[in-house]
Amino acid sequence: MVQLMDFKRVIGIGWDVGGWMGNKQDVASVTWKVGSEELEWLGTPNQFSLPIGSLLSTQMLIEKAVAKNNIELLEESLVVIGIDAPLGFPTDFVQLVSGETVECFRPLREIDNKLAYRDTDRHIYNELDNKKPLSATFDKLGNNCTVAVCHINKWCKEDGYSIHPMTNNPIDKKIIIEVYPALVKPSQVGEVKSPLKELLPKNIPYPSDAYDAAICAIMAVAYGADGKFLQLPKLIHPPDHLDSVNKEGWIYHFPRGTCT
């Protein structure tokens, strides 16, 4: 849980992650001034490609998302990057590829395959009307996942970011979380419902990756606001009994019934 008392604003950067090739990276940015009841978009959702021969810096990502005249707002703000891609792999899969012996068998349900799905994925499936995230190891999502993990490792080492819940610290001012915009849409091509619909940028096309990036940015603000921005409920944090999330990661999401 973050502490807002030292910040004037929460800035949410939403990154809808694509694969290593092409130009399918989309980013959006929005801010909430602490105590206000509205959001302000800091730029237009933007699509771009990864650089060849290097990784993105956080400065490069922010410059894609935030208009130049708004860059200075980051100095006095709690910055949360909401990423639509898995930020960790299933524990059993990591042990398997590391050469360790892992108990493997065909499960009754696909979601119970511990080589394919994390505990957070099973939580989503069991709690949110059988919505099933893609597998970072068995589906093509592994492409996007490796893009995200390589970048967040760099950002934590070089720029002082923390990945929640893996490195959760109440005094963090630069935070990375995993989000999943599909959870607030009725379908892949559907439009989100209230209250998110009214908060999105005007005239943003849907379905589109830019639309999803904007949803990620709103979720990032919701995490930082922690229920104090009344138009957005608190995001669901991992239950205390799931120790696995400290290695596998957690999909932060709105409570059941939000936007449906």
C-alpha atoms as a PDB file:
ATOM      1  CA  MET A   1       0.000   0.000   0.000  1.00  0.00           C
ATOM      2  CA  VAL A   2       1.401   3.389  -0.957  1.00  0.00           C
ATOM      3  CA  GLN A   3       1.432   6.598   1.058  1.00  0.00           C
ATOM      4  CA  LEU A   4      -0.087   9.641  -0.683  1.00  0.00           C
ATOM      5  CA  MET A   5       0.703  12.284   1.934  1.00  0.00           C
ATOM      6  CA  ASP A   6       3.962  13.398   0.307  1.00  0.00           C
ATOM      7  CA  PHE A   7       2.593  13.737  -3.227  1.00  0.00           C
ATOM      8  CA  LYS A   8       0.561  16.374  -5.010  1.00  0.00           C
ATOM      9  CA  ARG A   9      -0.364  14.108  -7.907  1.00  0.00           C
ATOM     10  CA  VAL A  10      -0.557  10.520  -9.027  1.00  0.00           C
ATOM     11  CA  ILE A  11       0.568   9.979 -12.610  1.00  0.00           C
ATOM     12  CA  GLY A  12      -0.463   6.772 -14.332  1.00  0.00           C
ATOM     13  CA  ILE A  13       1.481   5.535 -17.341  1.00  0.00           C
ATOM     14  CA  GLY A  14      -0.273   2.723 -19.206  1.00  0.00           C
ATOM     15  CA  TRP A  15       1.777   0.429 -21.448  1.00  0.00           C
ATOM     16  CA  ASP A  16      -0.054  -2.048 -23.672  1.00  0.00           C
ATOM     17  CA  VAL A  17       2.921  -4.253 -24.490  1.00  0.00           C
ATOM     18  CA  GLY A  18       3.505  -5.686 -27.951  1.00  0.00           C
ATOM     19  CA  GLY A  19       6.129  -8.167 -29.101  1.00  0.00           C
ATOM     20  CA  TRP A  20       9.765  -7.525 -29.918  1.00  0.00           C
ATOM     21  CA  MET A  21       9.132  -6.729 -33.574  1.00  0.00           C
ATOM     22  CA  GLY A  22       6.768  -4.300 -35.332  1.00  0.00           C
ATOM     23  CA  ASN A  23       5.210  -1.145 -33.923  1.00  0.00           C
ATOM     24  CA  LYS A  24       2.595  -2.568 -31.564  1.00  0.00           C
ATOM     25  CA  GLN A  25       3.709  -0.781 -28.388  1.00  0.00           C
ATOM     26  CA  ASP A  26       1.051   1.632 -27.100  1.00  0.00           C
ATOM     27  CA  VAL A  27       1.380   4.029 -24.201  1.00  0.00           C
ATOM     28  CA  ALA A  28      -0.902   6.577 -22.504  1.00  0.00           C
ATOM     29  CA  SER A  29      -0.595   8.895 -19.504  1.00  0.00           C
ATOM     30  CA  VAL A  30      -3.088  10.456 -17.112  1.00  0.00           C
ATOM     31  CA  THR A  31      -2.837  12.342 -13.825  1.00  0.00           C
ATOM     32  CA  TRP A  32      -4.995  12.799 -10.762  1.00  0.00           C
ATOM     33  CA  LYS A  33      -4.385  15.807  -8.541  1.00  0.00           C
ATOM     34  CA  VAL A  34      -4.741  14.610  -4.954  1.00  0.00           C
ATOM     35  CA  GLY A  35      -8.074  15.747  -3.547  1.00  0.00           C
ATOM     36  CA  SER A  36      -9.695  16.500  -6.907  1.00  0.00           C
ATOM     37  CA  GLU A  37     -12.521  14.583  -8.558  1.00  0.00           C
ATOM     38  CA  GLU A  38     -11.278  14.460 -12.137  1.00  0.00           C
ATOM     39  CA  LEU A  39      -8.467  13.082 -14.269  1.00  0.00           C
ATOM     40  CA  GLU A  40      -6.329  15.015 -16.725  1.00  0.00           C
ATOM     41  CA  TRP A  41      -4.764  13.335 -19.751  1.00  0.00           C
ATOM     42  CA  LEU A  42      -1.161  14.415 -20.214  1.00  0.00           C
ATOM     43  CA  GLY A  43      -0.884  13.606 -23.894  1.00  0.00           C
ATOM     44  CA  THR A  44      -2.416  11.558 -26.689  1.00  0.00           C
ATOM     45  CA  PRO A  45      -2.137   7.746 -26.520  1.00  0.00           C
ATOM     46  CA  ASN A  46       0.815   6.931 -28.738  1.00  0.00           C
ATOM     47  CA  GLN A  47       1.987   3.890 -30.726  1.00  0.00           C
ATOM     48  CA  PHE A  48       5.676   3.213 -31.280  1.00  0.00           C
ATOM     49  CA  SER A  49       8.344   0.573 -31.915  1.00  0.00           C
ATOM     50  CA  LEU A  50      11.081  -0.676 -29.637  1.00  0.00           C
ATOM     51  CA  PRO A  51      14.546   0.658 -30.465  1.00  0.00           C
ATOM     52  CA  ILE A  52      16.875  -1.688 -32.350  1.00  0.00           C
ATOM     53  CA  GLY A  53      19.875  -2.829 -30.359  1.00  0.00           C
ATOM     54  CA  SER A  54      18.806  -1.452 -26.973  1.00  0.00           C
ATOM     55  CA  LEU A  55      15.955  -1.344 -24.471  1.00  0.00           C
ATOM     56  CA  LEU A  56      13.627   1.537 -23.741  1.00  0.00           C
ATOM     57  CA  SER A  57      14.544   3.741 -20.833  1.00  0.00           C
ATOM     58  CA  THR A  58      11.730   4.982 -18.620  1.00  0.00           C
ATOM     59  CA  GLN A  59      12.491   8.469 -19.927  1.00  0.00           C
ATOM     60  CA  MET A  60      11.878   7.267 -23.492  1.00  0.00           C
ATOM     61  CA  LEU A  61       8.587   5.635 -22.477  1.00  0.00           C
ATOM     62  CA  ILE A  62       7.447   8.737 -20.618  1.00  0.00           C
ATOM     63  CA  GLU A  63       8.348  10.998 -23.529  1.00  0.00           C
ATOM     64  CA  LYS A  64       6.143   8.831 -25.764  1.00  0.00           C
ATOM     65  CA  ALA A  65       3.245   9.247 -23.343  1.00  0.00           C
ATOM     66  CA  VAL A  66       3.523  12.715 -21.823  1.00  0.00           C
ATOM     67  CA  ALA A  67       3.356  16.024 -23.704  1.00  0.00           C
ATOM     68  CA  LYS A  68       6.532  18.107 -23.228  1.00  0.00           C
ATOM     69  CA  ASN A  69       4.798  20.824 -21.238  1.00  0.00           C
ATOM     70  CA  ASN A  70       3.693  18.226 -18.658  1.00  0.00           C
ATOM     71  CA  ILE A  71       7.029  16.477 -18.073  1.00  0.00           C
ATOM     72  CA  GLU A  72       7.855  18.607 -15.018  1.00  0.00           C
ATOM     73  CA  LEU A  73       4.788  17.225 -13.186  1.00  0.00           C
ATOM     74  CA  LEU A  74       6.629  13.961 -12.623  1.00  0.00           C
ATOM     75  CA  GLU A  75       9.012  15.536 -10.109  1.00  0.00           C
ATOM     76  CA  GLU A  76       6.270  16.090  -7.524  1.00  0.00           C
ATOM     77  CA  SER A  77       4.198  13.018  -8.323  1.00  0.00           C
ATOM     78  CA  LEU A  78       3.764   9.409  -7.384  1.00  0.00           C
ATOM     79  CA  VAL A  79       4.392   7.648 -10.700  1.00  0.00           C
ATOM     80  CA  VAL A  80       2.756   4.273 -11.356  1.00  0.00           C
ATOM     81  CA  ILE A  81       3.355   2.340 -14.587  1.00  0.00           C
ATOM     82  CA  GLY A  82       0.537  -0.114 -15.330  1.00  0.00           C
ATOM     83  CA  ILE A  83       1.702  -2.822 -17.741  1.00  0.00           C
ATOM     84  CA  ASP A  84      -0.557  -5.117 -19.734  1.00  0.00           C
ATOM     85  CA  ALA A  85       1.718  -8.163 -19.851  1.00  0.00           C
ATOM     86  CA  PRO A  86       2.741 -10.818 -17.326  1.00  0.00           C
ATOM     87  CA  LEU A  87       5.594  -9.604 -15.124  1.00  0.00           C
ATOM     88  CA  GLY A  88       6.511 -13.077 -13.934  1.00  0.00           C
ATOM     89  CA  PHE A  89       6.350 -16.748 -14.886  1.00  0.00           C
ATOM     90  CA  PRO A  90       4.735 -19.742 -13.140  1.00  0.00           C
ATOM     91  CA  THR A  91       7.020 -21.057 -10.392  1.00  0.00           C
ATOM     92  CA  ASP A  92       6.848 -24.650 -11.635  1.00  0.00           C
ATOM     93  CA  PHE A  93       7.804 -23.554 -15.154  1.00  0.00           C
ATOM     94  CA  VAL A  94      10.841 -21.647 -13.873  1.00  0.00           C
ATOM     95  CA  GLN A  95      11.943 -24.715 -11.900  1.00  0.00           C
ATOM     96  CA  LEU A  96      11.422 -26.981 -14.912  1.00  0.00           C
ATOM     97  CA  VAL A  97      13.566 -24.929 -17.299  1.00  0.00           C
ATOM     98  CA  SER A  98      16.190 -24.591 -14.546  1.00  0.00           C
ATOM     99  CA  GLY A  99      16.627 -28.361 -14.561  1.00  0.00           C
ATOM    100  CA  GLU A 100      14.757 -29.109 -11.356  1.00  0.00           C
ATOM    101  CA  THR A 101      12.344 -32.018 -10.975  1.00  0.00           C
ATOM    102  CA  VAL A 102       8.743 -30.830 -11.170  1.00  0.00           C
ATOM    103  CA  GLU A 103       5.578 -32.890 -10.770  1.00  0.00           C
ATOM    104  CA  CYS A 104       3.780 -32.648 -14.152  1.00  0.00           C
ATOM    105  CA  PHE A 105       0.475 -34.240 -15.137  1.00  0.00           C
ATOM    106  CA  ARG A 106      -2.691 -33.479 -17.070  1.00  0.00           C
ATOM    107  CA  PRO A 107      -5.023 -31.483 -14.784  1.00  0.00           C
ATOM    108  CA  LEU A 108      -8.810 -31.640 -14.751  1.00  0.00           C
ATOM    109  CA  ARG A 109      -9.000 -27.982 -15.847  1.00  0.00           C
ATOM    110  CA  GLU A 110      -6.548 -26.225 -18.134  1.00  0.00           C
ATOM    111  CA  ILE A 111      -6.274 -23.296 -15.694  1.00  0.00           C
ATOM    112  CA  ASP A 112      -4.867 -25.704 -13.073  1.00  0.00           C
ATOM    113  CA  ASN A 113      -1.787 -26.486 -15.172  1.00  0.00           C
ATOM    114  CA  LYS A 114       0.961 -24.968 -13.017  1.00  0.00           C
ATOM    115  CA  LEU A 115       3.424 -24.915 -15.898  1.00  0.00           C
ATOM    116  CA  ALA A 116       1.079 -22.601 -17.804  1.00  0.00           C
ATOM    117  CA  TYR A 117      -0.722 -20.436 -15.250  1.00  0.00           C
ATOM    118  CA  ARG A 118       0.224 -18.513 -12.132  1.00  0.00           C
ATOM    119  CA  ASP A 119      -1.771 -18.343  -8.919  1.00  0.00           C
ATOM    120  CA  THR A 120      -2.923 -14.837  -9.888  1.00  0.00           C
ATOM    121  CA  ASP A 121      -4.284 -16.228 -13.180  1.00  0.00           C
ATOM    122  CA  ARG A 122      -6.255 -18.868 -11.261  1.00  0.00           C
ATOM    123  CA  HIS A 123      -7.546 -16.197  -8.893  1.00  0.00           C
ATOM    124  CA  ILE A 124      -8.849 -14.193 -11.863  1.00  0.00           C
ATOM    125  CA  TYR A 125     -10.471 -17.276 -13.390  1.00  0.00           C
ATOM    126  CA  ASN A 126     -12.141 -18.374 -10.154  1.00  0.00           C
ATOM    127  CA  GLU A 127     -13.293 -14.951  -8.963  1.00  0.00           C
ATOM    128  CA  LEU A 128     -14.204 -13.051 -12.133  1.00  0.00           C
ATOM    129  CA  ASP A 129     -16.682 -15.153 -14.109  1.00  0.00           C
ATOM    130  CA  ASN A 130     -14.165 -17.528 -15.671  1.00  0.00           C
ATOM    131  CA  LYS A 131     -12.157 -14.774 -17.378  1.00  0.00           C
ATOM    132  CA  LYS A 132      -8.913 -16.552 -18.190  1.00  0.00           C
ATOM    133  CA  PRO A 133      -5.690 -14.629 -18.809  1.00  0.00           C
ATOM    134  CA  LEU A 134      -3.434 -15.913 -21.561  1.00  0.00           C
ATOM    135  CA  SER A 135      -0.527 -18.082 -20.489  1.00  0.00           C
ATOM    136  CA  ALA A 136       2.898 -16.453 -20.507  1.00  0.00           C
ATOM    137  CA  THR A 137       4.476 -19.840 -21.273  1.00  0.00           C
ATOM    138  CA  PHE A 138       1.971 -21.737 -23.441  1.00  0.00           C
ATOM    139  CA  ASP A 139       0.454 -18.909 -25.520  1.00  0.00           C
ATOM    140  CA  LYS A 140       1.986 -16.324 -27.837  1.00  0.00           C
ATOM    141  CA  LEU A 141       1.836 -13.897 -24.902  1.00  0.00           C
ATOM    142  CA  GLY A 142       5.324 -15.111 -24.003  1.00  0.00           C
ATOM    143  CA  ASN A 143       6.631 -12.704 -26.654  1.00  0.00           C
ATOM    144  CA  ASN A 144       5.060  -9.710 -24.891  1.00  0.00           C
ATOM    145  CA  CYS A 145       5.971 -11.056 -21.466  1.00  0.00           C
ATOM    146  CA  THR A 146       9.705 -11.210 -22.222  1.00  0.00           C
ATOM    147  CA  VAL A 147       9.564  -7.637 -23.572  1.00  0.00           C
ATOM    148  CA  ALA A 148       8.011  -6.452 -20.317  1.00  0.00           C
ATOM    149  CA  VAL A 149      10.245  -8.427 -17.950  1.00  0.00           C
ATOM    150  CA  CYS A 150      13.475  -7.327 -19.664  1.00  0.00           C
ATOM    151  CA  HIS A 151      12.406  -3.699 -19.417  1.00  0.00           C
ATOM    152  CA  ILE A 152      11.200  -3.704 -15.817  1.00  0.00           C
ATOM    153  CA  ASN A 153      14.407  -5.366 -14.657  1.00  0.00           C
ATOM    154  CA  LYS A 154      16.360  -2.548 -16.301  1.00  0.00           C
ATOM    155  CA  TRP A 155      14.105   0.161 -14.856  1.00  0.00           C
ATOM    156  CA  CYS A 156      14.358  -1.182 -11.327  1.00  0.00           C
ATOM    157  CA  LYS A 157      18.151  -1.377 -11.516  1.00  0.00           C
ATOM    158  CA  GLU A 158      18.799   1.948 -13.252  1.00  0.00           C
ATOM    159  CA  ASP A 159      15.834   4.201 -12.378  1.00  0.00           C
ATOM    160  CA  GLY A 160      14.759   3.123  -8.899  1.00  0.00           C
ATOM    161  CA  TYR A 161      11.393   1.614  -9.777  1.00  0.00           C
ATOM    162  CA  SER A 162       9.794  -1.066  -7.616  1.00  0.00           C
ATOM    163  CA  ILE A 163       7.590  -3.887  -8.884  1.00  0.00           C
ATOM    164  CA  HIS A 164       4.581  -4.524  -6.654  1.00  0.00           C
ATOM    165  CA  PRO A 165       3.941  -6.872  -4.949  1.00  0.00           C
ATOM    166  CA  MET A 166       7.425  -8.397  -5.425  1.00  0.00           C
ATOM    167  CA  THR A 167       9.283  -5.415  -3.933  1.00  0.00           C
ATOM    168  CA  ASN A 168       6.416  -3.643  -2.195  1.00  0.00           C
ATOM    169  CA  ASN A 169       7.560  -0.681  -0.100  1.00  0.00           C
ATOM    170  CA  PRO A 170       5.169   1.960   1.350  1.00  0.00           C
ATOM    171  CA  ILE A 171       7.633   4.776   0.598  1.00  0.00           C
ATOM    172  CA  ASP A 172       8.049   3.917  -3.086  1.00  0.00           C
ATOM    173  CA  LYS A 173       7.452   6.874  -5.413  1.00  0.00           C
ATOM    174  CA  LYS A 174       8.092   5.007  -8.679  1.00  0.00           C
ATOM    175  CA  ILE A 175       6.045   1.840  -8.995  1.00  0.00           C
ATOM    176  CA  ILE A 176       5.365  -0.810 -11.636  1.00  0.00           C
ATOM    177  CA  ILE A 177       2.269  -3.024 -11.508  1.00  0.00           C
ATOM    178  CA  GLU A 178       0.722  -5.631 -13.797  1.00  0.00           C
ATOM    179  CA  VAL A 179      -2.814  -4.922 -15.016  1.00  0.00           C
ATOM    180  CA  TYR A 180      -5.212  -6.551 -17.467  1.00  0.00           C
ATOM    181  CA  PRO A 181      -7.633  -4.244 -19.320  1.00  0.00           C
ATOM    182  CA  ALA A 182      -9.689  -7.148 -20.695  1.00  0.00           C
ATOM    183  CA  LEU A 183     -11.171  -7.598 -17.220  1.00  0.00           C
ATOM    184  CA  VAL A 184     -13.221  -4.397 -17.539  1.00  0.00           C
ATOM    185  CA  LYS A 185     -14.429  -5.021 -21.091  1.00  0.00           C
ATOM    186  CA  PRO A 186     -17.425  -7.198 -21.970  1.00  0.00           C
ATOM    187  CA  SER A 187     -15.414  -8.680 -24.874  1.00  0.00           C
ATOM    188  CA  GLN A 188     -12.211  -8.119 -26.830  1.00  0.00           C
ATOM    189  CA  VAL A 189     -14.029  -5.675 -29.113  1.00  0.00           C
ATOM    190  CA  GLY A 190     -16.393  -4.246 -26.502  1.00  0.00           C
ATOM    191  CA  GLU A 191     -16.386  -0.787 -24.969  1.00  0.00           C
ATOM    192  CA  VAL A 192     -15.850  -0.402 -21.237  1.00  0.00           C
ATOM    193  CA  LYS A 193     -18.795   0.616 -19.099  1.00  0.00           C
ATOM    194  CA  SER A 194     -19.115   3.275 -16.402  1.00  0.00           C
ATOM    195  CA  PRO A 195     -17.252   4.546 -14.459  1.00  0.00           C
ATOM    196  CA  LEU A 196     -14.215   4.024 -16.701  1.00  0.00           C
ATOM    197  CA  LYS A 197     -15.972   4.986 -19.927  1.00  0.00           C
ATOM    198  CA  GLU A 198     -16.401   8.611 -18.842  1.00  0.00           C
ATOM    199  CA  LEU A 199     -12.765   8.860 -17.735  1.00  0.00           C
ATOM    200  CA  LEU A 200     -11.178   7.755 -21.020  1.00  0.00           C
ATOM    201  CA  PRO A 201      -9.876  10.312 -23.555  1.00  0.00           C
ATOM    202  CA  LYS A 202     -12.524  11.606 -25.910  1.00  0.00           C
ATOM    203  CA  ASN A 203     -12.735  10.104 -29.399  1.00  0.00           C
ATOM    204  CA  ILE A 204     -10.256   7.329 -28.687  1.00  0.00           C
ATOM    205  CA  PRO A 205     -10.974   4.447 -31.103  1.00  0.00           C
ATOM    206  CA  TYR A 206     -11.984   1.023 -29.877  1.00  0.00           C
ATOM    207  CA  PRO A 207     -11.122  -1.718 -30.152  1.00  0.00           C
ATOM    208  CA  SER A 208      -7.510  -0.546 -30.306  1.00  0.00           C
ATOM    209  CA  ASP A 209      -4.231  -0.958 -28.458  1.00  0.00           C
ATOM    210  CA  ALA A 210      -4.347   2.772 -27.625  1.00  0.00           C
ATOM    211  CA  TYR A 211      -7.713   2.180 -25.921  1.00  0.00           C
ATOM    212  CA  ASP A 212      -6.180  -0.590 -23.822  1.00  0.00           C
ATOM    213  CA  ALA A 213      -3.164   1.575 -22.949  1.00  0.00           C
ATOM    214  CA  ALA A 214      -5.524   4.279 -21.665  1.00  0.00           C
ATOM    215  CA  ILE A 215      -7.322   1.704 -19.485  1.00  0.00           C
ATOM    216  CA  CYS A 216      -3.925   0.621 -18.117  1.00  0.00           C
ATOM    217  CA  ALA A 217      -3.135   4.250 -17.253  1.00  0.00           C
ATOM    218  CA  ILE A 218      -6.418   4.635 -15.351  1.00  0.00           C
ATOM    219  CA  MET A 219      -5.735   1.418 -13.439  1.00  0.00           C
ATOM    220  CA  ALA A 220      -2.280   2.749 -12.554  1.00  0.00           C
ATOM    221  CA  VAL A 221      -3.857   5.921 -11.120  1.00  0.00           C
ATOM    222  CA  ALA A 222      -6.390   3.828  -9.221  1.00  0.00           C
ATOM    223  CA  TYR A 223      -3.536   1.894  -7.620  1.00  0.00           C
ATOM    224  CA  GLY A 224      -1.761   5.069  -6.540  1.00  0.00           C
ATOM    225  CA  ALA A 225      -4.960   6.763  -5.335  1.00  0.00           C
ATOM    226  CA  ASP A 226      -5.852   3.684  -3.245  1.00  0.00           C
ATOM    227  CA  GLY A 227      -9.563   4.527  -3.060  1.00  0.00           C
ATOM    228  CA  LYS A 228      -9.139   8.255  -2.419  1.00  0.00           C
ATOM    229  CA  PHE A 229     -10.233   9.162  -5.956  1.00  0.00           C
ATOM    230  CA  LEU A 230     -13.908   8.418  -5.464  1.00  0.00           C
ATOM    231  CA  GLN A 231     -14.700   7.655  -9.106  1.00  0.00           C
ATOM    232  CA  LEU A 232     -12.437   4.596  -8.974  1.00  0.00           C
ATOM    233  CA  PRO A 233     -12.586   1.782  -6.406  1.00  0.00           C
ATOM    234  CA  LYS A 234      -9.452   0.343  -4.876  1.00  0.00           C
ATOM    235  CA  LEU A 235      -7.687  -2.315  -6.886  1.00  0.00           C
ATOM    236  CA  ILE A 236      -7.671  -5.818  -5.438  1.00  0.00           C
ATOM    237  CA  HIS A 237      -4.389  -6.727  -3.725  1.00  0.00           C
ATOM    238  CA  PRO A 238      -3.147 -10.308  -3.341  1.00  0.00           C
ATOM    239  CA  PRO A 239      -4.475 -12.345  -0.416  1.00  0.00           C
ATOM    240  CA  ASP A 240      -2.015 -12.863   2.433  1.00  0.00           C
ATOM    241  CA  HIS A 241      -1.939 -16.645   1.932  1.00  0.00           C
ATOM    242  CA  LEU A 242      -0.579 -16.442  -1.634  1.00  0.00           C
ATOM    243  CA  ASP A 243       3.162 -16.284  -1.023  1.00  0.00           C
ATOM    244  CA  SER A 244       3.723 -17.231  -4.655  1.00  0.00           C
ATOM    245  CA  VAL A 245       2.909 -13.717  -5.866  1.00  0.00           C
ATOM    246  CA  ASN A 246       6.259 -12.476  -4.557  1.00  0.00           C
ATOM    247  CA  LYS A 247       7.883 -14.537  -7.318  1.00  0.00           C
ATOM    248  CA  GLU A 248       5.163 -14.908  -9.950  1.00  0.00           C
ATOM    249  CA  GLY A 249       3.565 -11.468  -9.786  1.00  0.00           C
ATOM    250  CA  TRP A 250      -0.028 -10.319  -9.351  1.00  0.00           C
ATOM    251  CA  ILE A 251      -2.644  -8.892 -11.713  1.00  0.00           C
ATOM    252  CA  TYR A 252      -4.057  -5.819  -9.942  1.00  0.00           C
ATOM    253  CA  HIS A 253      -7.720  -5.464 -10.870  1.00  0.00           C
ATOM    254  CA  PHE A 254     -10.962  -3.784  -9.879  1.00  0.00           C
ATOM    255  CA  PRO A 255     -13.443  -5.622  -7.639  1.00  0.00           C
ATOM    256  CA  ARG A 256     -15.934  -8.021  -9.169  1.00  0.00           C
ATOM    257  CA  GLY A 257     -18.785  -6.139 -10.850  1.00  0.00           C
ATOM    258  CA  THR A 258     -16.860  -2.947 -11.638  1.00  0.00           C
ATOM    259  CA  CYS A 259     -17.638  -1.739 -15.172  1.00  0.00           C
ATOM    260  CA  THR A 260     -19.975  -4.644 -15.956  1.00  0.00           C
END
